Amino acid sequence: MSLSPEIGLRRPEYTGSNRCWPCTVVNVVLVAAGAAAVALAGWPGVGAGLGLAGLALVWLRGYVVPGTPRFAPRLVAPIPGSDALFHGTDGGGAATPDGGTGSLDPAEIGGEELLDRLVESGVLEVDGDAIVPTAAYDERWQAEIDRLRDRDTEELAEIARELSPATTSQVRRDGDDEWVALAADDATVMQETWLRRPVAIAEIAGYRAAEPFLDDEAVRLAAARTNRMFLDACPDCGTELERGTDMSCCGGHTGPGDEPPETLECPACEGRLFTFGPA
């Protein structure tokens, strides 16, 4: 019987944007050492099979050796440059602000106040014990997402600049990953923030879709950010989103009795679309 990610092998809380690179590197080294030892003992075929299986599990689950989060950080800490290597940089070596999950407008509007405004305006509605997008808003939102999906990231960056308080926009790339970086000349107005491409699509589409419902620009921007929680599929690739946790496998969550915030993740793009509760 074969195992597949669909029956529980994949662990999005430890992979994609949540992947801990010290844990990954340590596990790859240990898997390779174990496979080599088996091969040198006279079973090269078994060693190769164990190596491939181990690497597949590291890719799908983040790590396979029990207790890795406890010892991996200490193993890699003495390596010169390990902090920059394991915590991610853009092509120019700068750490990604906001983990690449920023917003068109970082200004905050109180949660209850915002939800009340969105329900009153017809963007959201109460459905039993839940609040969900209205059919009218959701139809417009999905149509805008479909239109934006084929735009290149440079176009998305320019649109995002026009809609947000930002005065400059750039596209940042690291391998296959792309971000829209927004900033204002006056840092008191807007600090530099980075949006992953799927986040930029979702928020631009959400802002445009809210136009017939809301006149207040600030509320439309806040709605675009908040409504990402209602996404079912990735705005960029269309893959069904998965629930994960905002927890690094190297100790991002340590408080006794605390629960890490839940997240919406795209397993294909390996990026976060929304964080529920405290980020």
C-alpha atoms as a PDB file:
ATOM      1  CA  MET A   1       0.000   0.000   0.000  1.00  0.00           C
ATOM      2  CA  SER A   2       1.488   3.331  -1.034  1.00  0.00           C
ATOM      3  CA  LEU A   3       1.360   6.445   1.096  1.00  0.00           C
ATOM      4  CA  SER A   4       0.553   9.850  -0.314  1.00  0.00           C
ATOM      5  CA  PRO A   5       0.287  13.443   0.950  1.00  0.00           C
ATOM      6  CA  GLU A   6      -3.491  13.171   0.659  1.00  0.00           C
ATOM      7  CA  ILE A   7      -3.719  10.652   3.524  1.00  0.00           C
ATOM      8  CA  GLY A   8      -1.687  12.581   6.018  1.00  0.00           C
ATOM      9  CA  LEU A   9       1.997  12.555   5.120  1.00  0.00           C
ATOM     10  CA  ARG A  10       2.136  16.241   4.265  1.00  0.00           C
ATOM     11  CA  ARG A  11       2.570  18.616   7.227  1.00  0.00           C
ATOM     12  CA  PRO A  12       1.951  22.196   6.014  1.00  0.00           C
ATOM     13  CA  GLU A  13       2.622  23.540   9.514  1.00  0.00           C
ATOM     14  CA  TYR A  14       6.282  22.492   9.078  1.00  0.00           C
ATOM     15  CA  THR A  15       6.734  23.035   5.336  1.00  0.00           C
ATOM     16  CA  GLY A  16       6.355  25.797   2.771  1.00  0.00           C
ATOM     17  CA  SER A  17       6.591  29.225   4.405  1.00  0.00           C
ATOM     18  CA  ASN A  18       6.668  27.477   7.825  1.00  0.00           C
ATOM     19  CA  ARG A  19       9.667  25.318   6.981  1.00  0.00           C
ATOM     20  CA  CYS A  20      12.507  25.494   9.493  1.00  0.00           C
ATOM     21  CA  TRP A  21      15.733  25.337   7.511  1.00  0.00           C
ATOM     22  CA  PRO A  22      18.003  24.292  10.394  1.00  0.00           C
ATOM     23  CA  CYS A  23      15.711  21.287  10.961  1.00  0.00           C
ATOM     24  CA  THR A  24      15.627  20.531   7.240  1.00  0.00           C
ATOM     25  CA  VAL A  25      19.398  20.706   6.801  1.00  0.00           C
ATOM     26  CA  VAL A  26      20.113  18.585   9.863  1.00  0.00           C
ATOM     27  CA  ASN A  27      17.611  15.942   8.750  1.00  0.00           C
ATOM     28  CA  VAL A  28      19.001  15.797   5.216  1.00  0.00           C
ATOM     29  CA  VAL A  29      22.508  15.298   6.611  1.00  0.00           C
ATOM     30  CA  LEU A  30      21.329  12.566   8.999  1.00  0.00           C
ATOM     31  CA  VAL A  31      19.339  10.798   6.280  1.00  0.00           C
ATOM     32  CA  ALA A  32      22.330  10.904   3.940  1.00  0.00           C
ATOM     33  CA  ALA A  33      24.657   9.566   6.667  1.00  0.00           C
ATOM     34  CA  GLY A  34      22.284   6.749   7.507  1.00  0.00           C
ATOM     35  CA  ALA A  35      21.828   5.778   3.861  1.00  0.00           C
ATOM     36  CA  ALA A  36      25.601   5.833   3.295  1.00  0.00           C
ATOM     37  CA  ALA A  37      26.205   3.634   6.357  1.00  0.00           C
ATOM     38  CA  VAL A  38      23.712   1.029   5.106  1.00  0.00           C
ATOM     39  CA  ALA A  39      25.287   1.100   1.629  1.00  0.00           C
ATOM     40  CA  LEU A  40      28.825   0.673   3.036  1.00  0.00           C
ATOM     41  CA  ALA A  41      27.605  -2.254   5.124  1.00  0.00           C
ATOM     42  CA  GLY A  42      26.916  -4.134   1.901  1.00  0.00           C
ATOM     43  CA  TRP A  43      23.364  -3.159   0.986  1.00  0.00           C
ATOM     44  CA  PRO A  44      23.735  -0.315  -1.540  1.00  0.00           C
ATOM     45  CA  GLY A  45      20.233  -0.794  -2.941  1.00  0.00           C
ATOM     46  CA  VAL A  46      18.661  -0.650   0.505  1.00  0.00           C
ATOM     47  CA  GLY A  47      20.759   2.400   1.362  1.00  0.00           C
ATOM     48  CA  ALA A  48      19.625   4.215  -1.777  1.00  0.00           C
ATOM     49  CA  GLY A  49      15.996   3.361  -1.060  1.00  0.00           C
ATOM     50  CA  LEU A  50      16.238   4.562   2.528  1.00  0.00           C
ATOM     51  CA  GLY A  51      17.892   7.770   1.372  1.00  0.00           C
ATOM     52  CA  LEU A  52      15.182   8.550  -1.169  1.00  0.00           C
ATOM     53  CA  ALA A  53      12.403   7.711   1.288  1.00  0.00           C
ATOM     54  CA  GLY A  54      14.000   9.867   3.981  1.00  0.00           C
ATOM     55  CA  LEU A  55      14.434  12.849   1.665  1.00  0.00           C
ATOM     56  CA  ALA A  56      10.810  12.532   0.524  1.00  0.00           C
ATOM     57  CA  LEU A  57       9.625  12.591   4.149  1.00  0.00           C
ATOM     58  CA  VAL A  58      11.789  15.625   4.933  1.00  0.00           C
ATOM     59  CA  TRP A  59      10.269  17.422   1.933  1.00  0.00           C
ATOM     60  CA  LEU A  60       6.685  16.522   2.855  1.00  0.00           C
ATOM     61  CA  ARG A  61       6.882  16.752   6.658  1.00  0.00           C
ATOM     62  CA  GLY A  62       9.723  19.163   7.477  1.00  0.00           C
ATOM     63  CA  TYR A  63      11.729  16.643   9.483  1.00  0.00           C
ATOM     64  CA  VAL A  64      11.694  12.902  10.258  1.00  0.00           C
ATOM     65  CA  VAL A  65      14.113  12.535  13.189  1.00  0.00           C
ATOM     66  CA  PRO A  66      12.226  12.806  16.518  1.00  0.00           C
ATOM     67  CA  GLY A  67      13.355  15.703  18.684  1.00  0.00           C
ATOM     68  CA  THR A  68      14.855  17.682  15.793  1.00  0.00           C
ATOM     69  CA  PRO A  69      13.466  21.049  17.003  1.00  0.00           C
ATOM     70  CA  ARG A  70      15.340  20.621  20.275  1.00  0.00           C
ATOM     71  CA  PHE A  71      18.796  19.977  18.853  1.00  0.00           C
ATOM     72  CA  ALA A  72      18.882  21.373  15.272  1.00  0.00           C
ATOM     73  CA  PRO A  73      19.159  25.089  16.201  1.00  0.00           C
ATOM     74  CA  ARG A  74      22.092  24.379  18.525  1.00  0.00           C
ATOM     75  CA  LEU A  75      23.879  22.377  15.828  1.00  0.00           C
ATOM     76  CA  VAL A  76      23.697  25.106  13.180  1.00  0.00           C
ATOM     77  CA  ALA A  77      24.181  28.134  15.460  1.00  0.00           C
ATOM     78  CA  PRO A  78      28.028  27.988  15.360  1.00  0.00           C
ATOM     79  CA  ILE A  79      28.075  28.013  11.537  1.00  0.00           C
ATOM     80  CA  PRO A  80      29.240  31.444  10.258  1.00  0.00           C
ATOM     81  CA  GLY A  81      26.400  33.192   8.454  1.00  0.00           C
ATOM     82  CA  SER A  82      23.833  30.622   9.590  1.00  0.00           C
ATOM     83  CA  ASP A  83      21.292  33.277  10.642  1.00  0.00           C
ATOM     84  CA  ALA A  84      21.136  34.790   7.141  1.00  0.00           C
ATOM     85  CA  LEU A  85      21.278  31.353   5.524  1.00  0.00           C
ATOM     86  CA  PHE A  86      18.462  29.782   7.505  1.00  0.00           C
ATOM     87  CA  HIS A  87      16.094  32.718   7.982  1.00  0.00           C
ATOM     88  CA  GLY A  88      15.677  33.708   4.368  1.00  0.00           C
ATOM     89  CA  THR A  89      16.755  36.716   2.302  1.00  0.00           C
ATOM     90  CA  ASP A  90      15.760  38.282  -0.948  1.00  0.00           C
ATOM     91  CA  GLY A  91      18.205  38.363  -3.853  1.00  0.00           C
ATOM     92  CA  GLY A  92      19.979  41.349  -2.339  1.00  0.00           C
ATOM     93  CA  GLY A  93      20.384  39.818   1.090  1.00  0.00           C
ATOM     94  CA  ALA A  94      17.665  41.731   2.967  1.00  0.00           C
ATOM     95  CA  ALA A  95      15.274  39.832   5.199  1.00  0.00           C
ATOM     96  CA  THR A  96      11.721  39.671   3.880  1.00  0.00           C
ATOM     97  CA  PRO A  97       9.557  42.158   5.861  1.00  0.00           C
ATOM     98  CA  ASP A  98       6.375  40.690   7.366  1.00  0.00           C
ATOM     99  CA  GLY A  99       7.455  37.258   6.175  1.00  0.00           C
ATOM    100  CA  GLY A 100       6.106  38.300   2.778  1.00  0.00           C
ATOM    101  CA  THR A 101       2.515  38.388   4.004  1.00  0.00           C
ATOM    102  CA  GLY A 102       1.971  42.155   4.278  1.00  0.00           C
ATOM    103  CA  SER A 103      -1.066  44.096   3.136  1.00  0.00           C
ATOM    104  CA  LEU A 104      -2.007  46.951   0.828  1.00  0.00           C
ATOM    105  CA  ASP A 105      -2.562  49.090   3.926  1.00  0.00           C
ATOM    106  CA  PRO A 106      -1.047  48.130   7.284  1.00  0.00           C
ATOM    107  CA  ALA A 107      -3.337  50.557   9.183  1.00  0.00           C
ATOM    108  CA  GLU A 108      -5.571  48.781  11.670  1.00  0.00           C
ATOM    109  CA  ILE A 109      -9.323  49.206  12.132  1.00  0.00           C
ATOM    110  CA  GLY A 110     -10.839  47.566  15.212  1.00  0.00           C
ATOM    111  CA  GLY A 111     -12.083  44.054  14.420  1.00  0.00           C
ATOM    112  CA  GLU A 112     -15.644  44.446  15.717  1.00  0.00           C
ATOM    113  CA  GLU A 113     -16.016  47.913  14.207  1.00  0.00           C
ATOM    114  CA  LEU A 114     -14.799  46.664  10.834  1.00  0.00           C
ATOM    115  CA  LEU A 115     -17.047  43.607  10.827  1.00  0.00           C
ATOM    116  CA  ASP A 116     -20.049  45.755  11.734  1.00  0.00           C
ATOM    117  CA  ARG A 117     -19.280  48.097   8.820  1.00  0.00           C
ATOM    118  CA  LEU A 118     -18.870  45.206   6.386  1.00  0.00           C
ATOM    119  CA  VAL A 119     -22.129  43.558   7.462  1.00  0.00           C
ATOM    120  CA  GLU A 120     -24.035  46.859   7.292  1.00  0.00           C
ATOM    121  CA  SER A 121     -22.672  47.566   3.798  1.00  0.00           C
ATOM    122  CA  GLY A 122     -23.551  44.153   2.369  1.00  0.00           C
ATOM    123  CA  VAL A 123     -19.985  42.862   1.941  1.00  0.00           C
ATOM    124  CA  LEU A 124     -20.479  40.251   4.669  1.00  0.00           C
ATOM    125  CA  GLU A 125     -23.530  38.635   6.211  1.00  0.00           C
ATOM    126  CA  VAL A 126     -24.375  36.561   9.275  1.00  0.00           C
ATOM    127  CA  ASP A 127     -25.042  32.902   8.471  1.00  0.00           C
ATOM    128  CA  GLY A 128     -26.018  31.095  11.683  1.00  0.00           C
ATOM    129  CA  ASP A 129     -23.011  31.378  13.981  1.00  0.00           C
ATOM    130  CA  ALA A 130     -20.671  32.417  11.173  1.00  0.00           C
ATOM    131  CA  ILE A 131     -19.950  35.551   9.181  1.00  0.00           C
ATOM    132  CA  VAL A 132     -19.421  34.969   5.459  1.00  0.00           C
ATOM    133  CA  PRO A 133     -19.164  37.043   2.256  1.00  0.00           C
ATOM    134  CA  THR A 134     -22.494  37.862   0.650  1.00  0.00           C
ATOM    135  CA  ALA A 135     -23.184  36.229  -2.701  1.00  0.00           C
ATOM    136  CA  ALA A 136     -23.077  39.613  -4.444  1.00  0.00           C
ATOM    137  CA  TYR A 137     -19.668  40.539  -3.028  1.00  0.00           C
ATOM    138  CA  ASP A 138     -18.193  37.061  -3.481  1.00  0.00           C
ATOM    139  CA  GLU A 139     -19.231  36.943  -7.139  1.00  0.00           C
ATOM    140  CA  ARG A 140     -17.490  40.257  -7.832  1.00  0.00           C
ATOM    141  CA  TRP A 141     -14.434  39.213  -5.796  1.00  0.00           C
ATOM    142  CA  GLN A 142     -13.944  35.932  -7.639  1.00  0.00           C
ATOM    143  CA  ALA A 143     -14.408  37.632 -11.004  1.00  0.00           C
ATOM    144  CA  GLU A 144     -11.699  40.183 -10.120  1.00  0.00           C
ATOM    145  CA  ILE A 145      -9.369  37.396  -8.958  1.00  0.00           C
ATOM    146  CA  ASP A 146      -9.851  35.625 -12.286  1.00  0.00           C
ATOM    147  CA  ARG A 147      -8.984  38.819 -14.161  1.00  0.00           C
ATOM    148  CA  LEU A 148      -5.861  39.517 -12.111  1.00  0.00           C
ATOM    149  CA  ARG A 149      -4.468  35.988 -12.105  1.00  0.00           C
ATOM    150  CA  ASP A 150      -2.980  36.363 -15.586  1.00  0.00           C
ATOM    151  CA  ARG A 151      -1.351  39.749 -14.889  1.00  0.00           C
ATOM    152  CA  ASP A 152       2.414  39.738 -14.433  1.00  0.00           C
ATOM    153  CA  THR A 153       3.767  40.760 -11.046  1.00  0.00           C
ATOM    154  CA  GLU A 154       5.053  44.107 -12.335  1.00  0.00           C
ATOM    155  CA  GLU A 155       1.487  45.080 -13.266  1.00  0.00           C
ATOM    156  CA  LEU A 156       0.222  43.942  -9.861  1.00  0.00           C
ATOM    157  CA  ALA A 157       2.892  46.044  -8.153  1.00  0.00           C
ATOM    158  CA  GLU A 158       1.831  49.170 -10.045  1.00  0.00           C
ATOM    159  CA  ILE A 159      -1.867  48.582  -9.275  1.00  0.00           C
ATOM    160  CA  ALA A 160      -1.048  47.971  -5.601  1.00  0.00           C
ATOM    161  CA  ARG A 161       0.883  51.252  -5.425  1.00  0.00           C
ATOM    162  CA  GLU A 162      -2.069  53.164  -6.861  1.00  0.00           C
ATOM    163  CA  LEU A 163      -4.542  51.679  -4.380  1.00  0.00           C
ATOM    164  CA  SER A 164      -2.426  51.843  -1.222  1.00  0.00           C
ATOM    165  CA  PRO A 165      -0.782  54.717   0.711  1.00  0.00           C
ATOM    166  CA  ALA A 166       2.538  53.629  -0.851  1.00  0.00           C
ATOM    167  CA  THR A 167       4.481  55.969  -3.091  1.00  0.00           C
ATOM    168  CA  THR A 168       6.853  53.335  -4.478  1.00  0.00           C
ATOM    169  CA  SER A 169       6.489  49.704  -5.499  1.00  0.00           C
ATOM    170  CA  GLN A 170       8.973  47.071  -6.579  1.00  0.00           C
ATOM    171  CA  VAL A 171       8.960  43.390  -7.446  1.00  0.00           C
ATOM    172  CA  ARG A 172      11.271  41.247  -5.340  1.00  0.00           C
ATOM    173  CA  ARG A 173      12.290  37.773  -6.446  1.00  0.00           C
ATOM    174  CA  ASP A 174      14.003  34.841  -4.771  1.00  0.00           C
ATOM    175  CA  GLY A 175      14.069  31.812  -7.033  1.00  0.00           C
ATOM    176  CA  ASP A 176      10.475  31.147  -8.079  1.00  0.00           C
ATOM    177  CA  ASP A 177       9.020  33.297  -5.284  1.00  0.00           C
ATOM    178  CA  GLU A 178       7.788  36.808  -6.072  1.00  0.00           C
ATOM    179  CA  TRP A 179       6.719  39.631  -3.761  1.00  0.00           C
ATOM    180  CA  VAL A 180       5.263  43.077  -4.269  1.00  0.00           C
ATOM    181  CA  ALA A 181       7.242  45.479  -2.049  1.00  0.00           C
ATOM    182  CA  LEU A 182       5.440  48.695  -1.112  1.00  0.00           C
ATOM    183  CA  ALA A 183       6.807  51.712   0.742  1.00  0.00           C
ATOM    184  CA  ALA A 184       6.025  55.391   1.312  1.00  0.00           C
ATOM    185  CA  ASP A 185       8.503  58.256   1.163  1.00  0.00           C
ATOM    186  CA  ASP A 186       7.337  59.189   4.654  1.00  0.00           C
ATOM    187  CA  ALA A 187       7.944  56.125   6.853  1.00  0.00           C
ATOM    188  CA  THR A 188       5.375  57.395   9.373  1.00  0.00           C
ATOM    189  CA  VAL A 189       2.705  56.886   6.715  1.00  0.00           C
ATOM    190  CA  MET A 190       3.756  53.385   5.681  1.00  0.00           C
ATOM    191  CA  GLN A 191       6.736  51.207   6.514  1.00  0.00           C
ATOM    192  CA  GLU A 192       8.000  48.935   3.754  1.00  0.00           C
ATOM    193  CA  THR A 193       5.733  45.920   3.465  1.00  0.00           C
ATOM    194  CA  TRP A 194       5.915  42.894   1.185  1.00  0.00           C
ATOM    195  CA  LEU A 195       2.945  41.043  -0.279  1.00  0.00           C
ATOM    196  CA  ARG A 196       3.263  37.581  -1.716  1.00  0.00           C
ATOM    197  CA  ARG A 197       1.853  37.440  -5.228  1.00  0.00           C
ATOM    198  CA  PRO A 198      -1.306  35.485  -4.164  1.00  0.00           C
ATOM    199  CA  VAL A 199      -1.911  37.987  -1.350  1.00  0.00           C
ATOM    200  CA  ALA A 200      -1.563  40.920  -3.762  1.00  0.00           C
ATOM    201  CA  ILE A 201      -4.097  39.337  -6.138  1.00  0.00           C
ATOM    202  CA  ALA A 202      -6.572  38.644  -3.316  1.00  0.00           C
ATOM    203  CA  GLU A 203      -6.365  42.143  -1.830  1.00  0.00           C
ATOM    204  CA  ILE A 204      -6.477  44.088  -5.099  1.00  0.00           C
ATOM    205  CA  ALA A 205      -9.480  41.985  -6.152  1.00  0.00           C
ATOM    206  CA  GLY A 206     -11.116  42.431  -2.740  1.00  0.00           C
ATOM    207  CA  TYR A 207     -10.641  46.196  -2.825  1.00  0.00           C
ATOM    208  CA  ARG A 208     -12.131  46.493  -6.305  1.00  0.00           C
ATOM    209  CA  ALA A 209     -15.031  44.167  -5.488  1.00  0.00           C
ATOM    210  CA  ALA A 210     -15.982  46.317  -2.465  1.00  0.00           C
ATOM    211  CA  GLU A 211     -16.341  49.514  -4.500  1.00  0.00           C
ATOM    212  CA  PRO A 212     -20.156  49.379  -4.926  1.00  0.00           C
ATOM    213  CA  PHE A 213     -20.583  48.614  -1.216  1.00  0.00           C
ATOM    214  CA  LEU A 214     -18.142  51.005   0.486  1.00  0.00           C
ATOM    215  CA  ASP A 215     -17.217  54.645  -0.149  1.00  0.00           C
ATOM    216  CA  ASP A 216     -14.592  54.841   2.613  1.00  0.00           C
ATOM    217  CA  GLU A 217     -11.166  54.042   1.111  1.00  0.00           C
ATOM    218  CA  ALA A 218      -9.685  53.010   4.458  1.00  0.00           C
ATOM    219  CA  VAL A 219     -12.515  50.554   5.109  1.00  0.00           C
ATOM    220  CA  ARG A 220     -12.194  49.084   1.608  1.00  0.00           C
ATOM    221  CA  LEU A 221      -8.487  48.501   2.181  1.00  0.00           C
ATOM    222  CA  ALA A 222      -9.155  46.964   5.590  1.00  0.00           C
ATOM    223  CA  ALA A 223     -11.871  44.776   4.076  1.00  0.00           C
ATOM    224  CA  ALA A 224      -9.467  43.559   1.396  1.00  0.00           C
ATOM    225  CA  ARG A 225      -7.041  42.437   4.112  1.00  0.00           C
ATOM    226  CA  THR A 226      -9.626  40.913   6.458  1.00  0.00           C
ATOM    227  CA  ASN A 227     -11.557  39.063   3.753  1.00  0.00           C
ATOM    228  CA  ARG A 228      -8.530  36.919   2.919  1.00  0.00           C
ATOM    229  CA  MET A 229      -9.741  34.695   5.779  1.00  0.00           C
ATOM    230  CA  PHE A 230     -12.645  33.589   3.554  1.00  0.00           C
ATOM    231  CA  LEU A 231     -10.473  32.265   0.718  1.00  0.00           C
ATOM    232  CA  ASP A 232     -10.971  28.611  -0.194  1.00  0.00           C
ATOM    233  CA  ALA A 233      -8.469  28.420  -3.043  1.00  0.00           C
ATOM    234  CA  CYS A 234      -5.201  30.159  -3.876  1.00  0.00           C
ATOM    235  CA  PRO A 235      -5.892  33.343  -5.888  1.00  0.00           C
ATOM    236  CA  ASP A 236      -2.768  32.698  -7.971  1.00  0.00           C
ATOM    237  CA  CYS A 237      -2.716  28.970  -8.791  1.00  0.00           C
ATOM    238  CA  GLY A 238      -6.213  27.856  -7.761  1.00  0.00           C
ATOM    239  CA  THR A 239      -5.006  25.123  -5.388  1.00  0.00           C
ATOM    240  CA  GLU A 240      -7.298  24.352  -2.440  1.00  0.00           C
ATOM    241  CA  LEU A 241      -5.951  26.017   0.700  1.00  0.00           C
ATOM    242  CA  GLU A 242      -4.991  24.072   3.824  1.00  0.00           C
ATOM    243  CA  ARG A 243      -5.077  24.984   7.506  1.00  0.00           C
ATOM    244  CA  GLY A 244      -1.781  25.174   9.356  1.00  0.00           C
ATOM    245  CA  THR A 245      -0.333  26.877  12.420  1.00  0.00           C
ATOM    246  CA  ASP A 246       1.942  29.860  12.878  1.00  0.00           C
ATOM    247  CA  MET A 247       4.529  27.731  14.627  1.00  0.00           C
ATOM    248  CA  SER A 248       8.168  27.277  13.729  1.00  0.00           C
ATOM    249  CA  CYS A 249       9.378  23.747  14.369  1.00  0.00           C
ATOM    250  CA  CYS A 250      12.391  25.356  16.044  1.00  0.00           C
ATOM    251  CA  GLY A 251      10.514  26.916  18.903  1.00  0.00           C
ATOM    252  CA  GLY A 252       8.165  29.592  17.566  1.00  0.00           C
ATOM    253  CA  HIS A 253       5.556  28.430  20.076  1.00  0.00           C
ATOM    254  CA  THR A 254       6.747  27.773  23.610  1.00  0.00           C
ATOM    255  CA  GLY A 255       4.215  29.135  26.090  1.00  0.00           C
ATOM    256  CA  PRO A 256       2.615  26.461  28.299  1.00  0.00           C
ATOM    257  CA  GLY A 257      -1.078  26.217  27.535  1.00  0.00           C
ATOM    258  CA  ASP A 258      -0.792  28.644  24.608  1.00  0.00           C
ATOM    259  CA  GLU A 259      -2.100  27.763  21.187  1.00  0.00           C
ATOM    260  CA  PRO A 260      -0.320  29.036  18.052  1.00  0.00           C
ATOM    261  CA  PRO A 261      -2.458  31.079  15.634  1.00  0.00           C
ATOM    262  CA  GLU A 262      -4.074  29.099  12.825  1.00  0.00           C
ATOM    263  CA  THR A 263      -3.139  29.940   9.238  1.00  0.00           C
ATOM    264  CA  LEU A 264      -4.361  29.489   5.673  1.00  0.00           C
ATOM    265  CA  GLU A 265      -1.610  28.037   3.468  1.00  0.00           C
ATOM    266  CA  CYS A 266      -1.282  27.202  -0.227  1.00  0.00           C
ATOM    267  CA  PRO A 267       0.529  23.835  -0.454  1.00  0.00           C
ATOM    268  CA  ALA A 268       1.459  24.439  -4.095  1.00  0.00           C
ATOM    269  CA  CYS A 269       2.821  27.989  -3.749  1.00  0.00           C
ATOM    270  CA  GLU A 270       4.115  27.133  -0.244  1.00  0.00           C
ATOM    271  CA  GLY A 271       2.942  30.484   1.069  1.00  0.00           C
ATOM    272  CA  ARG A 272       0.627  31.832   3.742  1.00  0.00           C
ATOM    273  CA  LEU A 273      -2.558  33.654   2.775  1.00  0.00           C
ATOM    274  CA  PHE A 274      -3.912  34.567   6.197  1.00  0.00           C
ATOM    275  CA  THR A 275      -3.186  34.282   9.913  1.00  0.00           C
ATOM    276  CA  PHE A 276      -6.141  33.989  12.282  1.00  0.00           C
ATOM    277  CA  GLY A 277      -5.755  35.860  15.541  1.00  0.00           C
ATOM    278  CA  PRO A 278      -2.425  37.275  16.748  1.00  0.00           C
ATOM    279  CA  ALA A 279       0.298  36.982  14.076  1.00  0.00           C
END
